[in-house]
């Protein structure tokens, strides 16, 4: 297991003032400061209607928007749903004020491709607060580290997502106007300020805390960790080491006692016929990622096929996923097992439809 002390050098990156700020950097800083300032008026504007509006928006934008749509569906293709439902959930993500789907998904796919290396957009190897928040104020850094976004071709081909990208600010203003019309200042303070700031920091803690504190159940060769307390607030996203071990999995709370609200929603959608091709890790894939995995022989003996072709495929998959050439901080390129039977992939979604 990796040592946090050895894996988290302090490079003293001056991410604020030693670089050129672009318009998005300035807007991001101003917006986040404004949302925090709104929270100062929470006690003066409290009423139960405003509280429940904030709570409802937290569920809609956090669970359905960020966790289910942006993360598990759009970023990792963990399941399939009808297009009309996909677009509704994605729009819920827009109202979380964490940028449009194309930007969010591209950044997240780069995070997995270059996890906890110098190219990772938000790794704590650049410092805890860098991974938590300050990376947001340096939009050019992702391009400098990873190049221009070329890993979201599947989304860029769809006019709906291009529309959300080009009109993102309009939707923010629209929600603010609607909240003010319905409930005045209390709805703005609670529905825009309190709800947004809470969801911001809960989401950011997955980037920072879940790569710093907690337990590792799987040999992911990165800093990802499981945090039960964070999972409670993030609808299951706190089981982060599980997620990095099986990135394609629709379920992140892999044990029965690991609460994963997003998974429960996906199971409900599957039960009523709205979600299909729901991906989960197999016993073979779990054994490959286990710390006590001593090689491929035990895995092969446990395969259900028992055929020469089946065994050869498993051995080939093991070699690909565990012995690919290294280009990362930890001595090898991390091949990811797709959930469709074990085909190796490497976060390449650029040409998918």
Protein backbone atom coordinates (compact mmCIF):
# COMPACT_ATOMS: atom_id res chain seq x y z
CA UNK A 1 0.00 0.00 0.00
CA UNK A 2 1.24 3.45 -0.84
CA UNK A 3 2.44 5.70 1.94
CA UNK A 4 0.63 9.01 2.19
CA UNK A 5 3.75 10.64 3.59
CA UNK A 6 5.86 9.56 0.63
CA UNK A 7 3.16 10.05 -1.98
CA UNK A 8 2.15 13.59 -1.07
CA UNK A 9 5.13 15.88 -1.61
CA UNK A 10 4.53 19.57 -1.15
CA UNK A 11 5.64 21.21 -4.39
CA UNK A 12 4.50 24.64 -3.15
CA UNK A 13 2.69 25.37 -6.36
CA UNK A 14 1.67 29.01 -6.55
CA UNK A 15 -1.55 28.30 -8.40
CA UNK A 16 -3.00 31.74 -7.81
CA UNK A 17 -0.63 34.55 -8.66
CA UNK A 18 2.31 33.23 -10.68
CA UNK A 19 0.32 32.67 -13.85
CA UNK A 20 -2.00 34.39 -16.27
CA UNK A 21 -5.68 34.31 -15.30
CA UNK A 22 -8.27 33.81 -18.03
CA UNK A 23 -11.92 34.85 -17.97
CA UNK A 24 -13.15 31.50 -16.63
CA UNK A 25 -10.61 31.64 -13.78
CA UNK A 26 -11.89 35.05 -12.71
CA UNK A 27 -15.53 34.03 -13.07
CA UNK A 28 -15.00 30.79 -11.12
CA UNK A 29 -13.31 32.60 -8.24
CA UNK A 30 -15.93 35.35 -8.15
CA UNK A 31 -18.82 32.90 -8.34
CA UNK A 32 -17.54 30.62 -5.58
CA UNK A 33 -16.80 33.57 -3.30
CA UNK A 34 -20.30 34.94 -3.96
CA UNK A 35 -21.93 31.61 -3.08
CA UNK A 36 -20.01 31.48 0.20
CA UNK A 37 -20.98 35.07 1.01
CA UNK A 38 -24.65 34.20 0.48
CA UNK A 39 -24.33 31.59 3.21
CA UNK A 40 -23.60 34.35 5.73
CA UNK A 41 -27.26 35.36 5.46
CA UNK A 42 -28.60 31.83 6.05
CA UNK A 43 -29.64 32.35 9.68
CA UNK A 44 -31.33 35.67 8.86
CA UNK A 45 -33.41 34.27 6.00
CA UNK A 46 -34.27 30.83 7.31
CA UNK A 47 -37.74 29.41 6.86
CA UNK A 48 -38.80 25.83 6.38
CA UNK A 49 -39.92 26.34 2.81
CA UNK A 50 -36.47 27.65 1.85
CA UNK A 51 -34.82 24.78 3.72
CA UNK A 52 -36.82 22.14 1.86
CA UNK A 53 -36.14 23.85 -1.47
CA UNK A 54 -32.41 23.64 -0.71
CA UNK A 55 -32.71 20.02 0.40
CA UNK A 56 -34.69 19.06 -2.70
CA UNK A 57 -32.22 20.77 -5.02
CA UNK A 58 -29.34 19.05 -3.20
CA UNK A 59 -30.89 15.66 -4.00
CA UNK A 60 -31.84 16.57 -7.57
CA UNK A 61 -28.51 18.12 -8.51
CA UNK A 62 -26.22 15.99 -6.34
CA UNK A 63 -27.68 12.51 -6.63
CA UNK A 64 -29.38 12.60 -10.04
CA UNK A 65 -27.20 15.28 -11.63
CA UNK A 66 -23.61 14.75 -10.50
CA UNK A 67 -23.41 11.22 -9.09
CA UNK A 68 -25.81 9.34 -11.38
CA UNK A 69 -25.56 11.36 -14.60
CA UNK A 70 -22.25 13.21 -14.85
CA UNK A 71 -20.22 10.55 -13.07
CA UNK A 72 -21.52 7.02 -13.41
CA UNK A 73 -23.47 7.39 -16.65
CA UNK A 74 -21.72 9.99 -18.82
CA UNK A 75 -18.15 9.61 -17.56
CA UNK A 76 -18.01 5.83 -17.16
CA UNK A 77 -20.98 4.47 -19.13
CA UNK A 78 -21.92 2.20 -16.24
CA UNK A 79 -25.45 1.67 -17.56
CA UNK A 80 -27.77 2.70 -20.36
CA UNK A 81 -31.00 4.69 -20.12
CA UNK A 82 -33.32 6.22 -22.75
CA UNK A 83 -32.01 9.43 -24.31
CA UNK A 84 -34.84 11.57 -22.98
CA UNK A 85 -34.10 10.41 -19.43
CA UNK A 86 -30.35 10.81 -19.96
CA UNK A 87 -30.87 14.43 -20.96
CA UNK A 88 -33.12 15.16 -17.97
CA UNK A 89 -30.54 13.79 -15.54
CA UNK A 90 -27.73 15.66 -17.31
CA UNK A 91 -29.67 18.91 -17.01
CA UNK A 92 -29.96 18.27 -13.27
CA UNK A 93 -26.16 18.20 -13.28
CA UNK A 94 -25.99 21.60 -14.98
CA UNK A 95 -28.02 23.05 -12.09
CA UNK A 96 -25.34 21.85 -9.65
CA UNK A 97 -23.18 24.72 -10.99
CA UNK A 98 -20.17 22.47 -11.61
CA UNK A 99 -19.85 23.38 -15.29
CA UNK A 100 -21.42 21.71 -18.30
CA UNK A 101 -21.31 17.94 -18.97
CA UNK A 102 -18.59 18.12 -21.63
CA UNK A 103 -16.16 19.96 -19.35
CA UNK A 104 -16.96 17.88 -16.24
CA UNK A 105 -16.73 14.52 -18.00
CA UNK A 106 -13.53 15.41 -19.83
CA UNK A 107 -11.82 16.50 -16.61
CA UNK A 108 -12.96 13.38 -14.80
CA UNK A 109 -11.78 11.04 -17.54
CA UNK A 110 -8.38 12.73 -17.48
CA UNK A 111 -8.33 12.23 -13.70
CA UNK A 112 -8.68 8.48 -14.15
CA UNK A 113 -6.30 8.29 -17.08
CA UNK A 114 -3.52 10.13 -15.21
CA UNK A 115 -4.60 9.42 -11.65
CA UNK A 116 -2.25 10.82 -8.99
CA UNK A 117 0.47 11.75 -11.44
CA UNK A 118 1.69 15.18 -12.48
CA UNK A 119 -0.92 15.17 -15.28
CA UNK A 120 -3.86 14.53 -12.96
CA UNK A 121 -6.08 17.67 -13.04
CA UNK A 122 -6.73 17.56 -9.28
CA UNK A 123 -4.47 15.19 -7.38
CA UNK A 124 -3.33 15.88 -3.79
CA UNK A 125 0.26 15.37 -4.93
CA UNK A 126 -0.08 19.09 -5.67
CA UNK A 127 -1.27 19.72 -2.12
CA UNK A 128 -4.54 19.01 -0.32
CA UNK A 129 -6.09 22.41 -1.06
CA UNK A 130 -5.01 22.22 -4.67
CA UNK A 131 -7.00 19.00 -5.10
CA UNK A 132 -9.90 20.39 -3.09
CA UNK A 133 -10.51 23.77 -4.70
CA UNK A 134 -7.65 25.81 -6.15
CA UNK A 135 -7.30 23.70 -9.32
CA UNK A 136 -10.70 25.13 -10.34
CA UNK A 137 -9.15 28.59 -10.69
CA UNK A 138 -6.58 27.47 -13.27
CA UNK A 139 -8.53 26.31 -16.29
CA UNK A 140 -5.48 26.42 -18.55
CA UNK A 141 -3.62 23.91 -16.39
CA UNK A 142 -5.71 20.98 -17.63
CA UNK A 143 -4.88 21.85 -21.24
CA UNK A 144 -1.21 22.25 -20.33
CA UNK A 145 -1.15 18.89 -18.54
CA UNK A 146 -3.39 16.78 -20.76
CA UNK A 147 -3.81 18.69 -24.01
CA UNK A 148 -7.05 19.99 -25.43
CA UNK A 149 -10.08 17.85 -24.55
CA UNK A 150 -10.18 14.95 -26.99
CA UNK A 151 -11.76 12.34 -24.75
CA UNK A 152 -15.42 13.39 -24.97
CA UNK A 153 -16.19 12.77 -28.63
CA UNK A 154 -19.22 10.75 -27.57
CA UNK A 155 -20.74 13.87 -25.99
CA UNK A 156 -19.53 16.42 -28.51
CA UNK A 157 -21.38 14.56 -31.26
CA UNK A 158 -24.69 15.26 -29.54
CA UNK A 159 -26.22 18.72 -30.13
CA UNK A 160 -27.85 18.72 -26.69
CA UNK A 161 -24.51 18.70 -24.87
CA UNK A 162 -23.01 21.29 -27.20
CA UNK A 163 -26.05 23.46 -26.46
CA UNK A 164 -25.52 23.13 -22.71
CA UNK A 165 -21.85 23.99 -23.16
CA UNK A 166 -22.56 27.19 -25.08
CA UNK A 167 -25.50 28.33 -22.91
CA UNK A 168 -24.27 27.22 -19.48
CA UNK A 169 -24.48 30.65 -17.82
CA UNK A 170 -28.04 31.17 -19.01
CA UNK A 171 -29.23 28.16 -17.02
CA UNK A 172 -27.55 29.44 -13.85
CA UNK A 173 -29.24 32.83 -14.24
CA UNK A 174 -32.53 31.14 -15.06
CA UNK A 175 -32.57 29.05 -11.89
CA UNK A 176 -31.69 32.09 -9.80
CA UNK A 177 -34.51 34.10 -11.34
CA UNK A 178 -36.98 31.26 -10.79
CA UNK A 179 -36.01 30.86 -7.14
CA UNK A 180 -36.32 34.60 -6.52
CA UNK A 181 -39.74 34.69 -8.18
CA UNK A 182 -40.98 31.79 -6.06
CA UNK A 183 -39.57 32.71 -2.67
CA UNK A 184 -37.55 35.91 -2.75
CA UNK A 185 -34.26 36.27 -0.88
CA UNK A 186 -34.67 33.19 1.36
CA UNK A 187 -34.91 30.94 -1.70
CA UNK A 188 -31.83 32.61 -3.21
CA UNK A 189 -29.79 32.27 -0.03
CA UNK A 190 -30.77 28.66 0.62
CA UNK A 191 -31.45 27.35 -2.88
CA UNK A 192 -28.45 29.03 -4.51
CA UNK A 193 -26.03 29.68 -1.64
CA UNK A 194 -26.32 27.05 1.08
CA UNK A 195 -27.24 24.19 -1.22
CA UNK A 196 -24.54 24.99 -3.76
CA UNK A 197 -21.73 25.48 -1.23
CA UNK A 198 -22.59 22.26 0.59
CA UNK A 199 -22.64 20.29 -2.66
CA UNK A 200 -19.42 21.96 -3.81
CA UNK A 201 -17.42 20.94 -0.76
CA UNK A 202 -18.92 17.46 -0.61
CA UNK A 203 -17.96 16.91 -4.25
CA UNK A 204 -14.50 18.41 -3.79
CA UNK A 205 -13.85 16.20 -0.77
CA UNK A 206 -14.03 13.20 -3.10
CA UNK A 207 -11.04 14.70 -4.95
CA UNK A 208 -9.11 15.66 -1.83
CA UNK A 209 -10.13 13.65 1.25
CA UNK A 210 -10.77 10.42 -0.65
CA UNK A 211 -7.22 10.55 -2.01
CA UNK A 212 -5.75 11.34 1.41
CA UNK A 213 -7.61 9.58 4.25
CA UNK A 214 -9.37 6.25 4.54
CA UNK A 215 -8.75 2.61 3.70
CA UNK A 216 -7.71 0.86 0.52
CA UNK A 217 -9.57 -2.36 -0.18
CA UNK A 218 -8.10 -2.86 -3.65
CA UNK A 219 -4.65 -2.66 -5.21
CA UNK A 220 -5.35 0.32 -7.48
CA UNK A 221 -1.76 1.66 -7.44
CA UNK A 222 -3.02 5.17 -6.69
CA UNK A 223 -4.04 7.19 -3.62
CA UNK A 224 -7.79 6.50 -3.76
CA UNK A 225 -9.41 5.50 -0.47
CA UNK A 226 -12.79 4.49 0.92
CA UNK A 227 -14.45 6.92 3.32
CA UNK A 228 -17.70 5.76 4.90
CA UNK A 229 -18.59 9.19 6.28
CA UNK A 230 -18.12 10.85 2.90
CA UNK A 231 -20.20 8.15 1.21
CA UNK A 232 -23.18 9.16 3.36
CA UNK A 233 -23.18 12.72 2.00
CA UNK A 234 -22.15 11.93 -1.58
CA UNK A 235 -24.77 9.25 -2.29
CA UNK A 236 -22.10 6.53 -2.38
CA UNK A 237 -19.22 8.37 -4.06
CA UNK A 238 -17.12 8.08 -0.90
CA UNK A 239 -16.35 4.43 -1.68
CA UNK A 240 -13.63 5.87 -3.85
CA UNK A 241 -11.08 3.08 -3.77
CA UNK A 242 -13.83 0.71 -4.91
CA UNK A 243 -14.56 3.10 -7.75
CA UNK A 244 -10.94 3.38 -8.88
CA UNK A 245 -10.62 -0.39 -8.81
CA UNK A 246 -13.72 -0.89 -10.98
CA UNK A 247 -14.34 2.41 -12.71
CA UNK A 248 -17.01 1.01 -15.03
CA UNK A 249 -19.12 -0.32 -12.14
CA UNK A 250 -22.55 1.20 -11.58
CA UNK A 251 -22.23 0.12 -7.96
CA UNK A 252 -19.55 1.70 -5.77
CA UNK A 253 -20.64 0.38 -2.38
CA UNK A 254 -19.62 -3.18 -3.20
CA UNK A 255 -20.31 -4.65 0.24
CA UNK A 256 -23.86 -5.02 1.56
CA UNK A 257 -23.11 -2.60 4.39
CA UNK A 258 -21.59 0.08 2.14
CA UNK A 259 -24.43 2.56 1.66
CA UNK A 260 -24.69 3.71 -1.96
CA UNK A 261 -27.83 5.72 -2.65
CA UNK A 262 -27.03 6.22 -6.33
CA UNK A 263 -26.76 2.47 -6.80
CA UNK A 264 -30.18 2.00 -5.21
CA UNK A 265 -31.66 4.43 -7.73
CA UNK A 266 -29.96 2.62 -10.61
CA UNK A 267 -31.33 -0.70 -9.34
CA UNK A 268 -34.81 0.82 -9.20
CA UNK A 269 -34.46 2.09 -12.77
CA UNK A 270 -33.31 -1.38 -13.82
CA UNK A 271 -36.24 -3.02 -12.03
CA UNK A 272 -38.78 -0.90 -13.93
CA UNK A 273 -37.00 -1.44 -17.25
CA UNK A 274 -35.51 2.05 -17.59
CA UNK A 275 -31.85 1.07 -17.05
CA UNK A 276 -30.13 -1.66 -19.04
CA UNK A 277 -26.60 -3.04 -19.49
CA UNK A 278 -25.83 -2.28 -15.84
CA UNK A 279 -22.15 -3.06 -15.33
CA UNK A 280 -20.73 -4.70 -12.20
CA UNK A 281 -17.33 -6.24 -11.44
CA UNK A 282 -17.10 -10.00 -11.77
CA UNK A 283 -15.40 -12.29 -9.28
CA UNK A 284 -12.51 -12.64 -11.73
CA UNK A 285 -12.05 -8.89 -11.94
CA UNK A 286 -12.23 -8.56 -8.16
CA UNK A 287 -9.56 -11.19 -7.67
CA UNK A 288 -7.31 -9.44 -10.16
CA UNK A 289 -7.49 -6.22 -8.11
CA UNK A 290 -7.09 -7.87 -4.71
CA UNK A 291 -3.95 -7.21 -2.65
CA UNK A 292 -3.46 -10.95 -2.13
CA UNK A 293 -3.59 -11.77 -5.84
CA UNK A 294 -0.42 -13.81 -6.51
CA UNK A 295 -0.96 -14.28 -10.21
CA UNK A 296 -3.39 -15.43 -12.82
CA UNK A 297 -3.48 -19.16 -12.06
CA UNK A 298 -6.09 -18.97 -9.32
CA UNK A 299 -8.21 -16.63 -11.40
CA UNK A 300 -8.10 -18.95 -14.40
CA UNK A 301 -9.10 -21.95 -12.29
CA UNK A 302 -12.14 -20.03 -11.06
CA UNK A 303 -13.42 -19.03 -14.49
CA UNK A 304 -16.80 -20.32 -15.50
CA UNK A 305 -15.83 -21.17 -19.08
CA UNK A 306 -13.29 -23.92 -18.47
CA UNK A 307 -12.43 -23.92 -22.16
CA UNK A 308 -9.00 -23.47 -23.68
CA UNK A 309 -10.18 -20.33 -25.46
CA UNK A 310 -11.73 -18.96 -22.27
CA UNK A 311 -8.59 -19.61 -20.23
CA UNK A 312 -6.40 -18.05 -22.92
CA UNK A 313 -8.61 -14.96 -22.96
CA UNK A 314 -8.34 -14.57 -19.19
CA UNK A 315 -4.56 -15.01 -19.24
CA UNK A 316 -4.27 -12.44 -22.03
CA UNK A 317 -6.50 -10.03 -20.12
CA UNK A 318 -4.41 -10.49 -16.98
CA UNK A 319 -1.21 -9.75 -18.84
CA UNK A 320 -2.72 -6.69 -20.47
CA UNK A 321 -4.21 -5.27 -17.30
CA UNK A 322 -1.36 -6.06 -14.93
CA UNK A 323 1.72 -5.82 -17.12
CA UNK A 324 1.16 -3.00 -19.61
CA UNK A 325 4.08 -0.68 -20.24
CA UNK A 326 4.62 1.96 -17.61
CA UNK A 327 4.19 5.67 -18.07
CA UNK A 328 2.76 6.71 -14.72
CA UNK A 329 4.20 7.65 -11.35
CA UNK A 330 3.71 4.11 -10.06
CA UNK A 331 5.66 2.31 -12.74
CA UNK A 332 3.00 1.16 -15.18
CA UNK A 333 0.14 2.40 -17.32
CA UNK A 334 -3.15 1.63 -15.59
CA UNK A 335 -5.32 -0.46 -17.90
CA UNK A 336 -8.95 -0.38 -16.94
CA UNK A 337 -11.21 -3.38 -17.17
CA UNK A 338 -14.38 -2.56 -19.02
CA UNK A 339 -17.53 -4.10 -17.66
CA UNK A 340 -18.42 -5.97 -20.83
CA UNK A 341 -16.47 -9.12 -20.13
CA UNK A 342 -12.98 -7.87 -19.42
CA UNK A 343 -11.86 -6.03 -22.55
CA UNK A 344 -9.01 -3.69 -21.60
CA UNK A 345 -9.59 0.00 -22.23
CA UNK A 346 -7.86 3.17 -21.21
CA UNK A 347 -10.44 5.91 -20.82
CA UNK A 348 -10.68 6.41 -24.58
CA UNK A 349 -14.19 7.62 -25.29
CA UNK A 350 -13.30 10.02 -28.07
CA UNK A 351 -14.68 7.93 -30.93
CA UNK A 352 -17.63 6.30 -29.23
CA UNK A 353 -21.23 7.04 -30.11
